Structures are given as structure tokens and as C-alpha cells.
């Protein structure tokens, strides 16, 4: 049963469409006629449709950021004096899990997301995602992509689980932002 689930999940990723939605998909890119074995993380983006001017959407998003991110030294607005652009830094403990030498370790994660405002829409881009696995002695590692297909062509279960963990974290954030700007 587990194998059927893994195969179904793999097929979903391989055949996923590239239409832009309001949720992160972290699809693997197409190179010519075939898809890569990696799902792209850094540079992934969503477009949120909303009624409002650039200034209105900026103010609503800034309010959402201040409400959502607690303003600790690890989180909050890191740039954005320009009224059509904001950048936020976030932090999440135990966002993903990685295997190393036969053991599973949690990874704290920090990320930078940007918000670019246009009339009636916001582009939210994941600019950087770094992880700090328990086994790394405090070394942060940028996570630009995640391998979802092994060299032998089989699904990489750990990579697929990491993608699901990222979706389970970032997509509720996008839903929360969409709900906030749609009030």
C-alpha cells in the first residue's frame, strides 16, 4: 500500500502542470522533453489575485506580515521602504527531516520571501531557503532544490516528503495572506 502511495505521489509530481496558482507547487523543471530530477525551491513563486491598488495591497500585506511574524530577531520585515516591494525573513524549527548515516534528523529552516505588488495582484517569491540539520554542527545550507527522483529513476521518498512539508508550511501562509487581503 505504501508503494502505491509513493508511486501515485511521484506520478502527481511528474505530470503536474506549470500553471501558476495561489499555492506553491515546487515542481521540477522541464529540460527539453524531460523533467529534471530536482524540484525547484529557490525562485518558486505564487501570484495572489486581489482587488486593490499597489499602495492598498502593500499596506494590507505589511499588516499581515506584522501580525504573522512575531518580530523576533529571526523573523520580520528586512527591507521594503519602496511601496511596491517587501521582503520578509522567516524561521521555522523542524520544518523538514533529513537522513544521515541511517538516522533521521530534524532541520531548522530560515527563509526569505519577497512580495512584489502590482494593480490587483501580489507576486510572492521564495528567494532563499536554508536548513540547519541537527547533524551539521550549526552550519546552514542553502536549499535551492530537492531531489525527487533518484538516479535509477525511482521516486526519492525523502525528497517527496520534504516537498510535502514545505507545501504544508508555505501554502497555509499564502491562504492566510489571501484571506487577509480579501477582507
N, C-alpha and C. Protein backbone atom coordinates (compact mmCIF):
# COMPACT_ATOMS: atom_id res chain seq x y z
N UNK A 1 0.83 -1.19 0.00
CA UNK A 1 0.00 0.00 0.00
C UNK A 1 0.87 1.26 0.00
N UNK A 2 1.95 1.22 0.79
CA UNK A 2 2.85 2.36 0.85
C UNK A 2 3.47 2.63 -0.52
N UNK A 3 3.85 1.56 -1.22
CA UNK A 3 4.45 1.72 -2.55
C UNK A 3 3.47 2.35 -3.53
N UNK A 4 2.20 1.99 -3.44
CA UNK A 4 1.20 2.57 -4.33
C UNK A 4 1.08 4.07 -4.06
N UNK A 5 1.09 4.45 -2.78
CA UNK A 5 1.02 5.86 -2.43
C UNK A 5 2.24 6.61 -2.98
N UNK A 6 3.42 6.04 -2.82
CA UNK A 6 4.64 6.68 -3.30
C UNK A 6 4.61 6.82 -4.82
N UNK A 7 4.19 5.79 -5.51
CA UNK A 7 4.11 5.85 -6.97
C UNK A 7 3.09 6.90 -7.40
N UNK A 8 1.93 6.93 -6.74
CA UNK A 8 0.90 7.92 -7.08
C UNK A 8 1.43 9.34 -6.84
N UNK A 9 2.13 9.55 -5.73
CA UNK A 9 2.70 10.85 -5.44
C UNK A 9 3.75 11.23 -6.48
N UNK A 10 4.56 10.27 -6.86
CA UNK A 10 5.57 10.50 -7.88
C UNK A 10 4.93 10.90 -9.21
N UNK A 11 3.91 10.17 -9.62
CA UNK A 11 3.22 10.48 -10.89
C UNK A 11 2.62 11.87 -10.82
N UNK A 12 2.04 12.24 -9.66
CA UNK A 12 1.49 13.57 -9.49
C UNK A 12 2.56 14.63 -9.75
N UNK A 13 3.77 14.43 -9.18
CA UNK A 13 4.83 15.40 -9.37
C UNK A 13 5.32 15.44 -10.81
N UNK A 14 5.46 14.30 -11.42
CA UNK A 14 5.98 14.24 -12.78
C UNK A 14 5.00 14.84 -13.78
N UNK A 15 3.71 14.62 -13.58
CA UNK A 15 2.73 15.10 -14.55
C UNK A 15 2.11 16.43 -14.14
N UNK A 16 2.56 17.03 -13.05
CA UNK A 16 1.98 18.28 -12.57
C UNK A 16 2.07 19.38 -13.61
N UNK A 17 1.09 20.23 -13.62
CA UNK A 17 1.09 21.32 -14.60
C UNK A 17 1.89 22.49 -14.06
N UNK A 18 2.24 23.40 -14.94
CA UNK A 18 3.02 24.56 -14.55
C UNK A 18 2.18 25.82 -14.56
N UNK A 19 0.87 25.69 -14.54
CA UNK A 19 0.05 26.88 -14.46
C UNK A 19 0.27 27.51 -13.09
N UNK A 20 0.39 28.83 -13.06
CA UNK A 20 0.66 29.50 -11.80
C UNK A 20 -0.60 29.53 -10.96
N UNK A 21 -0.49 29.15 -9.72
CA UNK A 21 -1.64 29.14 -8.83
C UNK A 21 -1.33 30.02 -7.63
N UNK A 22 -2.24 30.01 -6.69
CA UNK A 22 -2.06 30.77 -5.46
C UNK A 22 -1.42 29.92 -4.37
N UNK A 23 -0.94 28.75 -4.74
CA UNK A 23 -0.27 27.85 -3.80
C UNK A 23 1.07 27.41 -4.40
N UNK A 24 2.05 27.23 -3.54
CA UNK A 24 3.34 26.73 -4.00
C UNK A 24 3.20 25.26 -4.42
N UNK A 25 3.82 24.91 -5.56
CA UNK A 25 3.81 23.52 -6.01
C UNK A 25 5.20 22.91 -5.95
N UNK A 26 6.24 23.73 -6.05
CA UNK A 26 7.62 23.27 -6.04
C UNK A 26 7.83 22.16 -7.08
N UNK A 27 7.40 22.45 -8.31
CA UNK A 27 7.54 21.48 -9.40
C UNK A 27 8.99 21.32 -9.83
N UNK A 28 9.23 20.19 -10.48
CA UNK A 28 10.54 20.03 -11.11
C UNK A 28 10.45 20.66 -12.50
N UNK A 29 11.56 21.21 -12.95
CA UNK A 29 11.56 21.96 -14.20
C UNK A 29 11.67 21.04 -15.40
N UNK A 30 11.26 21.56 -16.53
CA UNK A 30 11.34 20.80 -17.77
C UNK A 30 12.61 21.22 -18.50
N UNK A 31 13.38 20.23 -18.92
CA UNK A 31 14.58 20.47 -19.73
C UNK A 31 14.36 19.76 -21.04
N UNK A 32 14.02 20.51 -22.06
CA UNK A 32 13.71 19.89 -23.35
C UNK A 32 12.44 19.07 -23.22
N UNK A 33 12.54 17.77 -23.46
CA UNK A 33 11.38 16.89 -23.41
C UNK A 33 11.22 16.18 -22.06
N UNK A 34 12.21 16.30 -21.18
CA UNK A 34 12.10 15.58 -19.91
C UNK A 34 12.23 16.52 -18.74
N UNK A 35 11.70 16.08 -17.62
CA UNK A 35 11.77 16.86 -16.39
C UNK A 35 13.06 16.54 -15.66
N UNK A 36 13.54 17.51 -14.89
CA UNK A 36 14.73 17.27 -14.10
C UNK A 36 14.38 16.36 -12.93
N UNK A 37 15.38 15.90 -12.25
CA UNK A 37 15.17 15.03 -11.09
C UNK A 37 15.03 15.83 -9.81
N UNK A 38 15.09 17.16 -9.91
CA UNK A 38 15.02 18.03 -8.75
C UNK A 38 13.81 18.94 -8.80
N UNK A 39 13.19 19.15 -7.66
CA UNK A 39 12.12 20.14 -7.52
C UNK A 39 12.77 21.46 -7.14
N UNK A 40 12.38 22.52 -7.81
CA UNK A 40 12.97 23.83 -7.60
C UNK A 40 12.33 24.50 -6.38
N UNK A 41 13.16 24.98 -5.47
CA UNK A 41 12.68 25.65 -4.27
C UNK A 41 12.92 27.16 -4.41
N UNK A 42 14.19 27.54 -4.46
CA UNK A 42 14.54 28.95 -4.59
C UNK A 42 14.04 29.47 -5.93
N UNK A 43 13.30 30.55 -5.89
CA UNK A 43 12.74 31.12 -7.11
C UNK A 43 11.30 30.69 -7.37
N UNK A 44 10.78 29.75 -6.59
CA UNK A 44 9.38 29.37 -6.74
C UNK A 44 8.51 30.54 -6.31
N UNK A 45 7.40 30.73 -6.99
CA UNK A 45 6.54 31.86 -6.65
C UNK A 45 5.08 31.54 -6.89
N UNK A 46 4.24 32.36 -6.28
CA UNK A 46 2.80 32.30 -6.50
C UNK A 46 2.32 33.71 -6.84
N UNK A 47 1.20 33.77 -7.52
CA UNK A 47 0.56 35.04 -7.82
C UNK A 47 -0.78 35.06 -7.10
N UNK A 48 -0.96 36.01 -6.22
CA UNK A 48 -2.22 36.17 -5.50
C UNK A 48 -3.02 37.28 -6.16
N UNK A 49 -4.21 36.95 -6.61
CA UNK A 49 -5.11 37.95 -7.21
C UNK A 49 -5.91 38.59 -6.09
N UNK A 50 -6.02 39.91 -6.12
CA UNK A 50 -6.78 40.63 -5.10
C UNK A 50 -7.17 41.99 -5.65
N UNK A 51 -8.31 42.47 -5.23
CA UNK A 51 -8.74 43.81 -5.64
C UNK A 51 -8.00 44.84 -4.81
N UNK A 52 -7.37 45.78 -5.48
CA UNK A 52 -6.69 46.84 -4.76
C UNK A 52 -5.59 47.48 -5.57
N UNK A 53 -5.25 48.68 -5.17
CA UNK A 53 -4.14 49.38 -5.79
C UNK A 53 -2.84 48.83 -5.23
N UNK A 54 -1.74 49.22 -5.82
CA UNK A 54 -0.43 48.81 -5.32
C UNK A 54 -0.27 49.24 -3.87
N UNK A 55 -0.63 50.48 -3.57
CA UNK A 55 -0.48 51.01 -2.21
C UNK A 55 -1.38 50.26 -1.22
N UNK A 56 -2.62 49.98 -1.60
CA UNK A 56 -3.53 49.25 -0.71
C UNK A 56 -3.02 47.84 -0.42
N UNK A 57 -2.58 47.14 -1.47
CA UNK A 57 -2.08 45.77 -1.29
C UNK A 57 -0.81 45.76 -0.45
N UNK A 58 0.03 46.77 -0.65
CA UNK A 58 1.26 46.91 0.15
C UNK A 58 0.90 47.06 1.63
N UNK A 59 -0.02 47.97 1.93
CA UNK A 59 -0.40 48.21 3.33
C UNK A 59 -1.05 46.98 3.96
N UNK A 60 -1.93 46.32 3.21
CA UNK A 60 -2.58 45.10 3.73
C UNK A 60 -1.55 44.00 4.00
N UNK A 61 -0.61 43.83 3.07
CA UNK A 61 0.42 42.79 3.24
C UNK A 61 1.34 43.13 4.40
N UNK A 62 1.71 44.38 4.52
CA UNK A 62 2.56 44.80 5.64
C UNK A 62 1.86 44.52 6.97
N UNK A 63 0.57 44.77 7.04
CA UNK A 63 -0.20 44.45 8.24
C UNK A 63 -0.22 42.96 8.52
N UNK A 64 -0.39 42.16 7.46
CA UNK A 64 -0.38 40.70 7.62
C UNK A 64 0.97 40.21 8.11
N UNK A 65 2.05 40.76 7.56
CA UNK A 65 3.40 40.36 7.98
C UNK A 65 3.60 40.68 9.45
N UNK A 66 3.20 41.88 9.86
CA UNK A 66 3.37 42.28 11.27
C UNK A 66 2.55 41.39 12.20
N UNK A 67 1.40 40.92 11.73
CA UNK A 67 0.55 40.04 12.54
C UNK A 67 1.09 38.61 12.55
N UNK A 68 1.60 38.15 11.40
CA UNK A 68 2.01 36.75 11.24
C UNK A 68 3.40 36.48 11.80
N UNK A 69 4.31 37.39 11.56
CA UNK A 69 5.70 37.21 12.01
C UNK A 69 5.87 38.01 13.30
N UNK A 70 6.37 37.37 14.32
CA UNK A 70 6.36 37.97 15.65
C UNK A 70 7.41 39.05 15.87
N UNK A 71 8.23 39.35 14.89
CA UNK A 71 9.19 40.42 15.04
C UNK A 71 10.41 40.09 15.87
N UNK A 72 10.64 38.80 16.13
CA UNK A 72 11.86 38.44 16.85
C UNK A 72 13.05 38.71 15.94
N UNK A 73 14.24 38.50 16.45
CA UNK A 73 15.42 38.72 15.63
C UNK A 73 15.49 37.74 14.46
N UNK A 74 14.74 36.63 14.54
CA UNK A 74 14.77 35.64 13.47
C UNK A 74 13.73 35.91 12.39
N UNK A 75 12.72 36.73 12.69
CA UNK A 75 11.63 36.93 11.75
C UNK A 75 11.26 38.39 11.64
N UNK A 76 10.67 38.75 10.50
CA UNK A 76 10.14 40.09 10.31
C UNK A 76 10.57 40.70 9.00
N UNK A 77 10.11 41.93 8.77
CA UNK A 77 10.42 42.65 7.53
C UNK A 77 11.89 43.02 7.55
N UNK A 78 12.60 42.68 6.47
CA UNK A 78 14.02 43.02 6.41
C UNK A 78 14.31 44.10 5.37
N UNK A 79 13.35 44.40 4.51
CA UNK A 79 13.50 45.52 3.59
C UNK A 79 12.14 45.88 3.05
N UNK A 80 12.04 47.03 2.45
CA UNK A 80 10.78 47.39 1.84
C UNK A 80 10.35 48.82 2.02
N UNK A 81 11.27 49.78 2.02
CA UNK A 81 10.81 51.17 2.09
C UNK A 81 10.06 51.58 0.81
N UNK A 82 10.31 50.84 -0.26
CA UNK A 82 9.63 51.06 -1.53
C UNK A 82 8.19 50.57 -1.38
N UNK A 83 7.23 51.32 -1.87
CA UNK A 83 5.82 50.95 -1.65
C UNK A 83 5.32 49.85 -2.58
N UNK A 84 6.16 49.30 -3.44
CA UNK A 84 5.69 48.18 -4.27
C UNK A 84 6.51 46.91 -4.04
N UNK A 85 7.26 46.86 -2.92
CA UNK A 85 8.12 45.71 -2.67
C UNK A 85 8.37 45.55 -1.17
N UNK A 86 8.22 44.32 -0.69
CA UNK A 86 8.56 43.99 0.70
C UNK A 86 9.36 42.69 0.70
N UNK A 87 10.21 42.54 1.68
CA UNK A 87 10.95 41.30 1.84
C UNK A 87 10.88 40.94 3.31
N UNK A 88 10.62 39.66 3.57
CA UNK A 88 10.48 39.20 4.95
C UNK A 88 11.39 38.01 5.19
N UNK A 89 11.91 37.92 6.40
CA UNK A 89 12.70 36.76 6.80
C UNK A 89 11.87 35.95 7.78
N UNK A 90 11.81 34.65 7.57
CA UNK A 90 11.07 33.77 8.45
C UNK A 90 11.96 32.66 8.99
N UNK A 91 11.49 32.03 10.04
CA UNK A 91 12.24 30.95 10.69
C UNK A 91 11.24 29.89 11.14
N UNK A 92 11.60 28.64 10.97
CA UNK A 92 10.73 27.54 11.39
C UNK A 92 11.59 26.41 11.93
N UNK A 93 11.31 25.98 13.15
CA UNK A 93 12.00 24.82 13.70
C UNK A 93 11.42 23.55 13.11
N UNK A 94 12.26 22.57 12.90
CA UNK A 94 11.84 21.23 12.46
C UNK A 94 10.95 21.24 11.21
N UNK A 95 11.29 22.07 10.25
CA UNK A 95 10.46 22.16 9.05
C UNK A 95 10.55 20.90 8.21
N UNK A 96 11.76 20.40 8.01
CA UNK A 96 11.93 19.15 7.27
C UNK A 96 12.82 18.21 8.07
N UNK A 97 12.85 16.96 7.63
CA UNK A 97 13.69 15.94 8.26
C UNK A 97 14.59 15.34 7.20
N UNK A 98 15.84 15.09 7.57
CA UNK A 98 16.82 14.52 6.66
C UNK A 98 17.46 13.29 7.29
N UNK A 99 17.79 12.34 6.43
CA UNK A 99 18.50 11.14 6.91
C UNK A 99 20.00 11.35 6.74
N UNK A 100 20.75 10.88 7.72
CA UNK A 100 22.20 10.96 7.68
C UNK A 100 22.75 9.79 8.48
N UNK A 101 23.54 8.97 7.82
CA UNK A 101 24.16 7.80 8.44
C UNK A 101 23.12 6.92 9.15
N UNK A 102 22.00 6.70 8.47
CA UNK A 102 20.99 5.79 8.97
C UNK A 102 20.05 6.36 10.03
N UNK A 103 20.20 7.62 10.38
CA UNK A 103 19.33 8.25 11.38
C UNK A 103 18.58 9.41 10.74
N UNK A 104 17.42 9.72 11.29
CA UNK A 104 16.62 10.83 10.80
C UNK A 104 16.80 12.03 11.73
N UNK A 105 17.10 13.18 11.14
CA UNK A 105 17.36 14.39 11.91
C UNK A 105 16.43 15.51 11.46
N UNK A 106 16.00 16.34 12.42
CA UNK A 106 15.19 17.50 12.07
C UNK A 106 16.08 18.63 11.58
N UNK A 107 15.49 19.50 10.78
CA UNK A 107 16.23 20.65 10.25
C UNK A 107 15.46 21.92 10.56
N UNK A 108 16.10 22.83 11.26
CA UNK A 108 15.54 24.16 11.40
C UNK A 108 15.73 24.86 10.06
N UNK A 109 14.85 25.78 9.75
CA UNK A 109 14.91 26.43 8.44
C UNK A 109 14.71 27.93 8.60
N UNK A 110 15.40 28.67 7.77
CA UNK A 110 15.15 30.10 7.66
C UNK A 110 14.98 30.41 6.18
N UNK A 111 14.18 31.40 5.91
CA UNK A 111 13.87 31.71 4.52
C UNK A 111 13.66 33.20 4.34
N UNK A 112 13.80 33.61 3.09
CA UNK A 112 13.50 34.99 2.71
C UNK A 112 12.46 34.91 1.60
N UNK A 113 11.37 35.67 1.80
CA UNK A 113 10.29 35.74 0.83
C UNK A 113 10.10 37.20 0.44
N UNK A 114 9.87 37.43 -0.86
CA UNK A 114 9.62 38.79 -1.31
C UNK A 114 8.18 38.91 -1.81
N UNK A 115 7.67 40.12 -1.71
CA UNK A 115 6.32 40.45 -2.13
C UNK A 115 6.42 41.64 -3.08
N UNK A 116 6.02 41.42 -4.33
CA UNK A 116 6.05 42.49 -5.33
C UNK A 116 4.60 42.81 -5.69
N UNK A 117 4.26 44.08 -5.61
CA UNK A 117 2.87 44.50 -5.76
C UNK A 117 2.62 45.13 -7.12
N UNK A 118 1.54 44.72 -7.72
CA UNK A 118 1.03 45.34 -8.94
C UNK A 118 -0.46 45.54 -8.74
N UNK A 119 -1.07 46.30 -9.61
CA UNK A 119 -2.50 46.52 -9.52
C UNK A 119 -3.23 45.18 -9.49
N UNK A 120 -3.99 44.92 -8.46
CA UNK A 120 -4.83 43.72 -8.29
C UNK A 120 -4.07 42.40 -8.16
N UNK A 121 -2.79 42.44 -7.87
CA UNK A 121 -2.08 41.18 -7.65
C UNK A 121 -0.78 41.37 -6.87
N UNK A 122 -0.38 40.28 -6.23
CA UNK A 122 0.87 40.24 -5.48
C UNK A 122 1.64 39.01 -5.94
N UNK A 123 2.90 39.21 -6.29
CA UNK A 123 3.78 38.08 -6.59
C UNK A 123 4.59 37.80 -5.32
N UNK A 124 4.45 36.58 -4.81
CA UNK A 124 5.18 36.17 -3.60
C UNK A 124 6.21 35.13 -4.04
N UNK A 125 7.48 35.44 -3.82
CA UNK A 125 8.56 34.57 -4.26
C UNK A 125 9.41 34.11 -3.08
N UNK A 126 9.75 32.84 -3.09
CA UNK A 126 10.66 32.28 -2.10
C UNK A 126 12.08 32.50 -2.63
N UNK A 127 12.75 33.50 -2.09
CA UNK A 127 14.08 33.89 -2.59
C UNK A 127 15.20 33.03 -2.06
N UNK A 128 15.04 32.52 -0.85
CA UNK A 128 16.10 31.73 -0.24
C UNK A 128 15.49 30.83 0.83
N UNK A 129 15.97 29.61 0.88
CA UNK A 129 15.60 28.68 1.96
C UNK A 129 16.88 27.99 2.39
N UNK A 130 17.20 28.11 3.66
CA UNK A 130 18.39 27.47 4.22
C UNK A 130 17.96 26.56 5.35
N UNK A 131 18.66 25.44 5.47
CA UNK A 131 18.36 24.48 6.52
C UNK A 131 19.60 24.25 7.38
N UNK A 132 19.35 23.91 8.63
CA UNK A 132 20.41 23.63 9.59
C UNK A 132 20.10 22.29 10.23
N UNK A 133 20.54 21.19 9.60
CA UNK A 133 20.27 19.87 10.17
C UNK A 133 20.97 19.69 11.52
N UNK A 134 20.36 18.91 12.39
CA UNK A 134 20.93 18.67 13.72
C UNK A 134 22.36 18.15 13.63
N UNK A 135 22.67 17.36 12.61
CA UNK A 135 23.99 16.74 12.49
C UNK A 135 25.06 17.67 11.92
N UNK A 136 24.71 18.91 11.57
CA UNK A 136 25.65 19.76 10.85
C UNK A 136 26.46 20.70 11.74
N UNK A 137 26.34 20.58 13.04
CA UNK A 137 27.11 21.44 13.97
C UNK A 137 26.89 22.93 13.72
N UNK A 138 25.65 23.30 13.45
CA UNK A 138 25.32 24.72 13.29
C UNK A 138 25.57 25.31 11.93
N UNK A 139 25.95 24.52 10.95
CA UNK A 139 26.20 25.05 9.60
C UNK A 139 24.90 25.10 8.82
N UNK A 140 24.57 26.26 8.31
CA UNK A 140 23.39 26.44 7.47
C UNK A 140 23.74 26.09 6.04
N UNK A 141 22.79 25.47 5.35
CA UNK A 141 22.99 25.04 3.96
C UNK A 141 21.82 25.55 3.13
N UNK A 142 22.13 26.26 2.04
CA UNK A 142 21.06 26.74 1.17
C UNK A 142 20.43 25.56 0.44
N UNK A 143 19.12 25.58 0.37
CA UNK A 143 18.37 24.51 -0.26
C UNK A 143 17.68 25.08 -1.51
N UNK A 144 18.40 25.07 -2.63
CA UNK A 144 17.85 25.63 -3.87
C UNK A 144 16.92 24.68 -4.58
N UNK A 145 17.14 23.38 -4.39
CA UNK A 145 16.29 22.37 -4.99
C UNK A 145 16.35 21.11 -4.13
N UNK A 146 15.39 20.21 -4.37
CA UNK A 146 15.33 18.95 -3.63
C UNK A 146 15.19 17.83 -4.64
N UNK A 147 16.03 16.82 -4.51
CA UNK A 147 15.97 15.67 -5.42
C UNK A 147 14.70 14.88 -5.14
N UNK A 148 13.86 14.72 -6.18
CA UNK A 148 12.63 13.94 -6.01
C UNK A 148 12.64 12.66 -6.83
N UNK A 149 13.64 12.52 -7.70
CA UNK A 149 13.80 11.29 -8.48
C UNK A 149 15.25 10.84 -8.33
N UNK A 150 15.43 9.60 -7.92
CA UNK A 150 16.78 9.07 -7.76
C UNK A 150 17.42 8.85 -9.13
N UNK A 151 18.71 8.63 -9.14
CA UNK A 151 19.45 8.40 -10.39
C UNK A 151 18.90 7.19 -11.14
N UNK A 152 18.40 6.20 -10.40
CA UNK A 152 17.86 5.00 -11.03
C UNK A 152 16.44 5.20 -11.56
N UNK A 153 15.90 6.43 -11.41
CA UNK A 153 14.57 6.73 -11.93
C UNK A 153 13.44 6.51 -10.95
N UNK A 154 13.74 5.96 -9.81
CA UNK A 154 12.71 5.72 -8.79
C UNK A 154 12.47 6.99 -7.98
N UNK A 155 11.26 7.11 -7.40
CA UNK A 155 10.97 8.28 -6.57
C UNK A 155 11.88 8.33 -5.35
N UNK A 156 12.30 9.52 -5.00
CA UNK A 156 13.08 9.74 -3.79
C UNK A 156 12.09 10.10 -2.69
N UNK A 157 11.74 9.14 -1.88
CA UNK A 157 10.71 9.31 -0.85
C UNK A 157 11.05 10.44 0.10
N UNK A 158 12.30 10.51 0.53
CA UNK A 158 12.69 11.58 1.45
C UNK A 158 12.50 12.95 0.81
N UNK A 159 12.89 13.08 -0.45
CA UNK A 159 12.71 14.35 -1.16
C UNK A 159 11.24 14.71 -1.32
N UNK A 160 10.42 13.72 -1.65
CA UNK A 160 8.98 13.97 -1.78
C UNK A 160 8.37 14.38 -0.44
N UNK A 161 8.83 13.77 0.64
CA UNK A 161 8.35 14.15 1.98
C UNK A 161 8.77 15.58 2.33
N UNK A 162 9.97 15.97 1.93
CA UNK A 162 10.43 17.34 2.19
C UNK A 162 9.57 18.34 1.43
N UNK A 163 9.23 18.02 0.17
CA UNK A 163 8.37 18.90 -0.62
C UNK A 163 7.01 19.04 0.05
N UNK A 164 6.45 17.95 0.52
CA UNK A 164 5.14 18.00 1.20
C UNK A 164 5.23 18.85 2.46
N UNK A 165 6.32 18.73 3.22
CA UNK A 165 6.49 19.53 4.43
C UNK A 165 6.55 21.02 4.07
N UNK A 166 7.25 21.36 2.98
CA UNK A 166 7.32 22.75 2.55
C UNK A 166 5.94 23.27 2.13
N UNK A 167 5.21 22.45 1.39
CA UNK A 167 3.85 22.85 0.99
C UNK A 167 2.96 23.04 2.22
N UNK A 168 3.09 22.12 3.18
CA UNK A 168 2.26 22.19 4.39
C UNK A 168 2.59 23.40 5.25
N UNK A 169 3.76 23.97 5.06
CA UNK A 169 4.11 25.19 5.80
C UNK A 169 3.78 26.45 5.00
N UNK A 170 4.24 26.52 3.75
CA UNK A 170 4.10 27.76 2.98
C UNK A 170 2.68 27.99 2.43
N UNK A 171 1.97 26.94 2.05
CA UNK A 171 0.64 27.15 1.47
C UNK A 171 -0.38 27.69 2.48
N UNK A 172 -0.39 27.24 3.73
CA UNK A 172 -1.28 27.90 4.69
C UNK A 172 -0.91 29.38 4.91
N UNK A 173 0.38 29.72 4.80
CA UNK A 173 0.76 31.13 4.87
C UNK A 173 0.13 31.91 3.72
N UNK A 174 0.17 31.32 2.52
CA UNK A 174 -0.41 32.00 1.36
C UNK A 174 -1.93 32.14 1.49
N UNK A 175 -2.57 31.11 2.04
CA UNK A 175 -4.02 31.17 2.26
C UNK A 175 -4.34 32.25 3.29
N UNK A 176 -3.55 32.33 4.34
CA UNK A 176 -3.74 33.34 5.37
C UNK A 176 -3.58 34.75 4.79
N UNK A 177 -2.56 34.94 3.96
CA UNK A 177 -2.35 36.24 3.32
C UNK A 177 -3.52 36.56 2.40
N UNK A 178 -3.93 35.60 1.58
CA UNK A 178 -5.06 35.80 0.66
C UNK A 178 -6.32 36.18 1.43
N UNK A 179 -6.60 35.49 2.53
CA UNK A 179 -7.77 35.81 3.35
C UNK A 179 -7.66 37.22 3.92
N UNK A 180 -6.46 37.60 4.34
CA UNK A 180 -6.24 38.92 4.95
C UNK A 180 -6.45 40.04 3.93
N UNK A 181 -5.93 39.88 2.73
CA UNK A 181 -6.04 40.96 1.73
C UNK A 181 -7.40 40.98 1.06
N UNK A 182 -8.21 39.94 1.26
CA UNK A 182 -9.53 39.87 0.63
C UNK A 182 -10.64 40.40 1.54
N UNK A 183 -10.28 40.88 2.72
CA UNK A 183 -11.30 41.37 3.68
C UNK A 183 -12.01 42.59 3.16
